[in-house]
Amino acid sequence: MTQHHKINYIEIPVKALASSKAFFKQVFGWSFVDYGDDYAAITGAGIDGGLYSSDKQVSTKKGSVLVVLYSDDLVQTQKAIVAAGGSILVPTFEFPGGKRFHFCDVNDNEYAVWSDK
């Protein structure tokens, strides 16, 4: 498969790099490669990307792109998010083809998780 014109990498602003890395490792099992004190590449997330230190916030209310993750078990994923210090922003709702919810990580960035199960 060609990479030409495909989404290849995403970069996400975070207020606190260390707590963001800990959150995503605990909840989703992601790994990171640090490049200095202000940047960490994401590995094991399904698409390559990175977290970078910033005072900006990811929010659909502010017009940000929404990163949507997949889960085989929405209930367990929600529990893991809350246990790691995140919060549920939009409760689970159905749409044609599945269900999803939105959450905030420990830095108040918005994401969504969906499932077709």
N, C-alpha and C. Protein backbone atom coordinates (compact mmCIF):
# COMPACT_ATOMS: atom_id res chain seq x y z
N MET A 1 0.84 -1.17 0.00
CA MET A 1 0.00 0.00 0.00
C MET A 1 0.89 1.24 0.00
N THR A 2 0.55 2.18 -0.77
CA THR A 2 1.33 3.41 -0.88
C THR A 2 1.03 4.36 0.28
N GLN A 3 2.01 5.13 0.68
CA GLN A 3 1.85 6.14 1.74
C GLN A 3 1.50 7.52 1.17
N HIS A 4 1.62 7.63 -0.16
CA HIS A 4 1.38 8.91 -0.82
C HIS A 4 0.00 9.45 -0.49
N HIS A 5 -0.08 10.64 0.07
CA HIS A 5 -1.31 11.36 0.39
C HIS A 5 -2.13 10.70 1.49
N LYS A 6 -1.53 9.86 2.31
CA LYS A 6 -2.21 9.23 3.43
C LYS A 6 -1.85 9.96 4.72
N ILE A 7 -2.76 9.97 5.68
CA ILE A 7 -2.43 10.53 7.00
C ILE A 7 -1.36 9.64 7.59
N ASN A 8 -0.26 10.23 7.97
CA ASN A 8 0.91 9.47 8.39
C ASN A 8 1.29 9.70 9.84
N TYR A 9 0.95 10.87 10.40
CA TYR A 9 1.46 11.23 11.71
C TYR A 9 0.55 12.29 12.31
N ILE A 10 0.29 12.20 13.61
CA ILE A 10 -0.47 13.23 14.29
C ILE A 10 0.35 13.74 15.48
N GLU A 11 0.22 15.02 15.75
CA GLU A 11 0.89 15.60 16.90
C GLU A 11 -0.15 16.26 17.79
N ILE A 12 -0.09 15.96 19.09
CA ILE A 12 -1.10 16.39 20.04
C ILE A 12 -0.46 17.29 21.09
N PRO A 13 -1.00 18.51 21.27
CA PRO A 13 -0.47 19.38 22.31
C PRO A 13 -0.93 18.90 23.69
N VAL A 14 -0.03 18.95 24.66
CA VAL A 14 -0.38 18.57 26.03
C VAL A 14 0.24 19.57 27.00
N LYS A 15 -0.47 19.85 28.06
CA LYS A 15 0.03 20.80 29.06
C LYS A 15 1.16 20.21 29.88
N ALA A 16 1.08 18.91 30.18
CA ALA A 16 2.08 18.25 31.01
C ALA A 16 2.45 16.92 30.35
N LEU A 17 3.62 16.87 29.78
CA LEU A 17 4.05 15.71 29.00
C LEU A 17 4.10 14.44 29.84
N ALA A 18 4.68 14.50 31.02
CA ALA A 18 4.85 13.29 31.85
C ALA A 18 3.51 12.68 32.23
N SER A 19 2.55 13.50 32.67
CA SER A 19 1.26 12.94 33.07
C SER A 19 0.47 12.42 31.87
N SER A 20 0.63 13.04 30.71
CA SER A 20 -0.03 12.55 29.50
C SER A 20 0.52 11.18 29.10
N LYS A 21 1.83 11.05 29.12
CA LYS A 21 2.44 9.75 28.79
C LYS A 21 1.96 8.67 29.76
N ALA A 22 1.94 8.97 31.04
CA ALA A 22 1.50 8.00 32.04
C ALA A 22 0.05 7.59 31.81
N PHE A 23 -0.81 8.56 31.51
CA PHE A 23 -2.23 8.30 31.27
C PHE A 23 -2.41 7.35 30.09
N PHE A 24 -1.81 7.68 28.95
CA PHE A 24 -2.01 6.87 27.75
C PHE A 24 -1.34 5.50 27.86
N LYS A 25 -0.27 5.41 28.59
CA LYS A 25 0.35 4.10 28.82
C LYS A 25 -0.56 3.24 29.68
N GLN A 26 -1.10 3.82 30.76
CA GLN A 26 -1.97 3.07 31.66
C GLN A 26 -3.27 2.64 31.00
N VAL A 27 -3.92 3.55 30.30
CA VAL A 27 -5.25 3.25 29.74
C VAL A 27 -5.17 2.46 28.43
N PHE A 28 -4.29 2.88 27.52
CA PHE A 28 -4.29 2.31 26.18
C PHE A 28 -3.06 1.47 25.85
N GLY A 29 -2.07 1.43 26.74
CA GLY A 29 -0.89 0.62 26.50
C GLY A 29 0.10 1.21 25.52
N TRP A 30 0.00 2.52 25.26
CA TRP A 30 0.93 3.15 24.34
C TRP A 30 2.32 3.24 24.95
N SER A 31 3.32 3.29 24.09
CA SER A 31 4.71 3.51 24.51
C SER A 31 5.18 4.82 23.90
N PHE A 32 6.29 5.32 24.42
CA PHE A 32 6.80 6.62 23.98
C PHE A 32 8.31 6.60 23.85
N VAL A 33 8.80 7.41 22.93
CA VAL A 33 10.23 7.65 22.77
C VAL A 33 10.43 9.15 22.96
N ASP A 34 11.18 9.51 24.00
CA ASP A 34 11.40 10.92 24.30
C ASP A 34 12.43 11.53 23.37
N TYR A 35 12.13 12.75 22.94
CA TYR A 35 13.05 13.57 22.16
C TYR A 35 13.17 14.91 22.88
N GLY A 36 14.00 14.94 23.89
CA GLY A 36 14.13 16.12 24.72
C GLY A 36 13.05 16.16 25.78
N ASP A 37 12.93 17.32 26.43
CA ASP A 37 11.98 17.48 27.53
C ASP A 37 10.57 17.85 27.08
N ASP A 38 10.41 18.23 25.82
CA ASP A 38 9.14 18.77 25.36
C ASP A 38 8.45 17.97 24.27
N TYR A 39 8.97 16.78 23.95
CA TYR A 39 8.38 15.99 22.86
C TYR A 39 8.56 14.50 23.13
N ALA A 40 7.50 13.74 22.86
CA ALA A 40 7.58 12.28 22.97
C ALA A 40 6.83 11.67 21.79
N ALA A 41 7.50 10.82 21.04
CA ALA A 41 6.86 10.11 19.93
C ALA A 41 6.00 8.99 20.50
N ILE A 42 4.84 8.79 19.91
CA ILE A 42 3.91 7.75 20.32
C ILE A 42 4.17 6.49 19.50
N THR A 43 4.24 5.35 20.17
CA THR A 43 4.33 4.07 19.46
C THR A 43 3.24 3.16 20.00
N GLY A 44 2.75 2.27 19.15
CA GLY A 44 1.75 1.30 19.56
C GLY A 44 0.34 1.86 19.61
N ALA A 45 0.06 2.96 18.91
CA ALA A 45 -1.26 3.57 18.97
C ALA A 45 -2.07 3.37 17.69
N GLY A 46 -1.53 2.65 16.72
CA GLY A 46 -2.26 2.43 15.48
C GLY A 46 -1.87 3.38 14.37
N ILE A 47 -1.41 4.56 14.73
CA ILE A 47 -0.85 5.53 13.80
C ILE A 47 0.31 6.20 14.53
N ASP A 48 1.33 6.56 13.82
CA ASP A 48 2.45 7.23 14.44
C ASP A 48 2.06 8.65 14.83
N GLY A 49 2.71 9.16 15.85
CA GLY A 49 2.42 10.51 16.28
C GLY A 49 3.31 10.92 17.42
N GLY A 50 2.95 12.04 18.01
CA GLY A 50 3.73 12.54 19.12
C GLY A 50 2.91 13.45 20.02
N LEU A 51 3.41 13.61 21.24
CA LEU A 51 2.87 14.56 22.20
C LEU A 51 3.90 15.66 22.36
N TYR A 52 3.46 16.91 22.36
CA TYR A 52 4.41 18.00 22.56
C TYR A 52 3.87 18.97 23.60
N SER A 53 4.77 19.52 24.39
CA SER A 53 4.40 20.47 25.43
C SER A 53 3.84 21.75 24.82
N SER A 54 2.67 22.17 25.35
CA SER A 54 2.00 23.35 24.82
C SER A 54 0.96 23.81 25.83
N ASP A 55 0.62 25.07 25.79
CA ASP A 55 -0.47 25.56 26.62
C ASP A 55 -1.81 25.44 25.88
N LYS A 56 -1.81 24.91 24.68
CA LYS A 56 -3.03 24.73 23.88
C LYS A 56 -3.81 23.52 24.36
N GLN A 57 -5.08 23.46 24.00
CA GLN A 57 -5.96 22.38 24.41
C GLN A 57 -6.72 21.86 23.21
N VAL A 58 -6.88 20.55 23.12
CA VAL A 58 -7.63 19.91 22.05
C VAL A 58 -9.09 19.82 22.48
N SER A 59 -9.97 20.47 21.73
CA SER A 59 -11.39 20.47 22.06
C SER A 59 -12.20 20.71 20.80
N THR A 60 -13.23 19.89 20.59
CA THR A 60 -14.07 20.10 19.42
C THR A 60 -14.84 21.41 19.52
N LYS A 61 -15.09 21.88 20.73
CA LYS A 61 -15.76 23.18 20.91
C LYS A 61 -14.89 24.32 20.40
N LYS A 62 -13.57 24.08 20.37
CA LYS A 62 -12.64 25.09 19.87
C LYS A 62 -12.25 24.82 18.42
N GLY A 63 -12.88 23.81 17.80
CA GLY A 63 -12.63 23.52 16.40
C GLY A 63 -11.50 22.55 16.13
N SER A 64 -11.02 21.88 17.16
CA SER A 64 -9.93 20.92 16.99
C SER A 64 -10.38 19.67 16.26
N VAL A 65 -9.44 19.03 15.61
CA VAL A 65 -9.67 17.71 15.04
C VAL A 65 -9.91 16.75 16.20
N LEU A 66 -10.81 15.81 16.05
CA LEU A 66 -11.10 14.84 17.09
C LEU A 66 -10.38 13.54 16.79
N VAL A 67 -9.51 13.12 17.70
CA VAL A 67 -8.84 11.82 17.60
C VAL A 67 -9.81 10.79 18.16
N VAL A 68 -10.16 9.79 17.34
CA VAL A 68 -11.10 8.76 17.74
C VAL A 68 -10.37 7.43 17.82
N LEU A 69 -10.44 6.80 18.99
CA LEU A 69 -9.81 5.51 19.24
C LEU A 69 -10.86 4.42 19.15
N TYR A 70 -10.42 3.18 18.97
CA TYR A 70 -11.34 2.03 18.91
C TYR A 70 -11.19 1.20 20.18
N SER A 71 -12.29 0.60 20.63
CA SER A 71 -12.26 -0.29 21.78
C SER A 71 -13.16 -1.49 21.52
N ASP A 72 -12.71 -2.66 21.98
CA ASP A 72 -13.56 -3.85 21.95
C ASP A 72 -14.58 -3.83 23.08
N ASP A 73 -14.36 -3.00 24.10
CA ASP A 73 -15.22 -2.97 25.29
C ASP A 73 -15.29 -1.54 25.83
N LEU A 74 -16.32 -0.81 25.42
CA LEU A 74 -16.45 0.58 25.82
C LEU A 74 -16.56 0.76 27.33
N VAL A 75 -17.27 -0.12 28.01
CA VAL A 75 -17.45 0.00 29.46
C VAL A 75 -16.11 -0.12 30.17
N GLN A 76 -15.31 -1.10 29.81
CA GLN A 76 -14.01 -1.27 30.45
C GLN A 76 -13.07 -0.11 30.12
N THR A 77 -13.14 0.38 28.90
CA THR A 77 -12.29 1.52 28.52
C THR A 77 -12.68 2.76 29.32
N GLN A 78 -13.98 2.99 29.50
CA GLN A 78 -14.42 4.12 30.32
C GLN A 78 -13.90 3.99 31.74
N LYS A 79 -14.00 2.81 32.32
CA LYS A 79 -13.52 2.59 33.68
C LYS A 79 -12.02 2.85 33.78
N ALA A 80 -11.26 2.42 32.79
CA ALA A 80 -9.81 2.63 32.79
C ALA A 80 -9.48 4.11 32.69
N ILE A 81 -10.22 4.84 31.88
CA ILE A 81 -10.00 6.29 31.72
C ILE A 81 -10.22 7.00 33.04
N VAL A 82 -11.32 6.72 33.69
CA VAL A 82 -11.63 7.37 34.97
C VAL A 82 -10.61 6.97 36.05
N ALA A 83 -10.24 5.68 36.09
CA ALA A 83 -9.26 5.21 37.07
C ALA A 83 -7.90 5.89 36.89
N ALA A 84 -7.58 6.28 35.66
CA ALA A 84 -6.30 6.93 35.38
C ALA A 84 -6.36 8.45 35.53
N GLY A 85 -7.51 8.99 35.95
CA GLY A 85 -7.62 10.42 36.18
C GLY A 85 -8.31 11.20 35.09
N GLY A 86 -8.77 10.52 34.04
CA GLY A 86 -9.52 11.18 32.97
C GLY A 86 -10.98 11.33 33.36
N SER A 87 -11.76 11.93 32.49
CA SER A 87 -13.19 12.10 32.76
C SER A 87 -13.99 11.87 31.48
N ILE A 88 -15.22 11.43 31.67
CA ILE A 88 -16.12 11.21 30.54
C ILE A 88 -16.80 12.54 30.23
N LEU A 89 -16.62 13.02 29.03
CA LEU A 89 -17.15 14.32 28.60
C LEU A 89 -18.55 14.18 27.99
N VAL A 90 -18.72 13.19 27.11
CA VAL A 90 -20.00 12.90 26.48
C VAL A 90 -20.28 11.42 26.71
N PRO A 91 -21.37 11.09 27.40
CA PRO A 91 -21.68 9.68 27.65
C PRO A 91 -21.88 8.90 26.35
N THR A 92 -21.81 7.60 26.47
CA THR A 92 -21.96 6.73 25.30
C THR A 92 -23.28 6.99 24.59
N PHE A 93 -23.18 7.11 23.28
CA PHE A 93 -24.37 7.27 22.44
C PHE A 93 -24.22 6.38 21.22
N GLU A 94 -25.35 6.04 20.63
CA GLU A 94 -25.34 5.18 19.44
C GLU A 94 -25.37 6.02 18.18
N PHE A 95 -24.80 5.47 17.14
CA PHE A 95 -24.85 6.05 15.81
C PHE A 95 -24.88 4.89 14.83
N PRO A 96 -25.27 5.11 13.58
CA PRO A 96 -25.29 3.99 12.63
C PRO A 96 -23.91 3.32 12.54
N GLY A 97 -23.85 2.07 12.93
CA GLY A 97 -22.60 1.33 12.87
C GLY A 97 -21.91 1.13 14.19
N GLY A 98 -22.42 1.75 15.28
CA GLY A 98 -21.75 1.54 16.55
C GLY A 98 -22.17 2.48 17.65
N LYS A 99 -21.28 2.60 18.64
CA LYS A 99 -21.48 3.47 19.80
C LYS A 99 -20.16 4.19 20.06
N ARG A 100 -20.25 5.34 20.74
CA ARG A 100 -19.03 6.03 21.12
C ARG A 100 -19.29 6.95 22.30
N PHE A 101 -18.20 7.35 22.94
CA PHE A 101 -18.25 8.36 23.98
C PHE A 101 -17.04 9.27 23.80
N HIS A 102 -17.10 10.45 24.42
CA HIS A 102 -15.96 11.38 24.40
C HIS A 102 -15.41 11.48 25.81
N PHE A 103 -14.10 11.67 25.90
CA PHE A 103 -13.48 11.81 27.21
C PHE A 103 -12.40 12.88 27.18
N CYS A 104 -12.02 13.33 28.36
CA CYS A 104 -10.89 14.24 28.52
C CYS A 104 -9.79 13.47 29.24
N ASP A 105 -8.56 13.67 28.79
CA ASP A 105 -7.42 13.07 29.47
C ASP A 105 -7.06 13.91 30.69
N VAL A 106 -5.95 13.63 31.31
CA VAL A 106 -5.53 14.35 32.52
C VAL A 106 -5.16 15.80 32.25
N ASN A 107 -5.02 16.18 30.99
CA ASN A 107 -4.70 17.56 30.62
C ASN A 107 -5.89 18.26 29.96
N ASP A 108 -7.07 17.67 30.10
CA ASP A 108 -8.32 18.22 29.55
C ASP A 108 -8.38 18.28 28.04
N ASN A 109 -7.62 17.44 27.36
CA ASN A 109 -7.76 17.29 25.91
C ASN A 109 -8.90 16.33 25.63
N GLU A 110 -9.68 16.61 24.59
CA GLU A 110 -10.83 15.80 24.23
C GLU A 110 -10.47 14.75 23.18
N TYR A 111 -10.98 13.53 23.41
CA TYR A 111 -10.82 12.40 22.49
C TYR A 111 -12.16 11.66 22.47
N ALA A 112 -12.30 10.71 21.57
CA ALA A 112 -13.47 9.85 21.56
C ALA A 112 -13.02 8.40 21.44
N VAL A 113 -13.88 7.50 21.88
CA VAL A 113 -13.65 6.07 21.73
C VAL A 113 -14.94 5.48 21.15
N TRP A 114 -14.80 4.63 20.15
CA TRP A 114 -15.96 4.01 19.53
C TRP A 114 -15.81 2.51 19.50
N SER A 115 -16.93 1.83 19.28
CA SER A 115 -16.92 0.38 19.10
C SER A 115 -18.09 -0.01 18.22
N ASP A 116 -17.89 -1.09 17.49
CA ASP A 116 -18.98 -1.63 16.67
C ASP A 116 -19.59 -2.85 17.36
N LYS A 117 -19.25 -3.06 18.62
CA LYS A 117 -19.76 -4.21 19.37
C LYS A 117 -20.83 -3.80 20.34
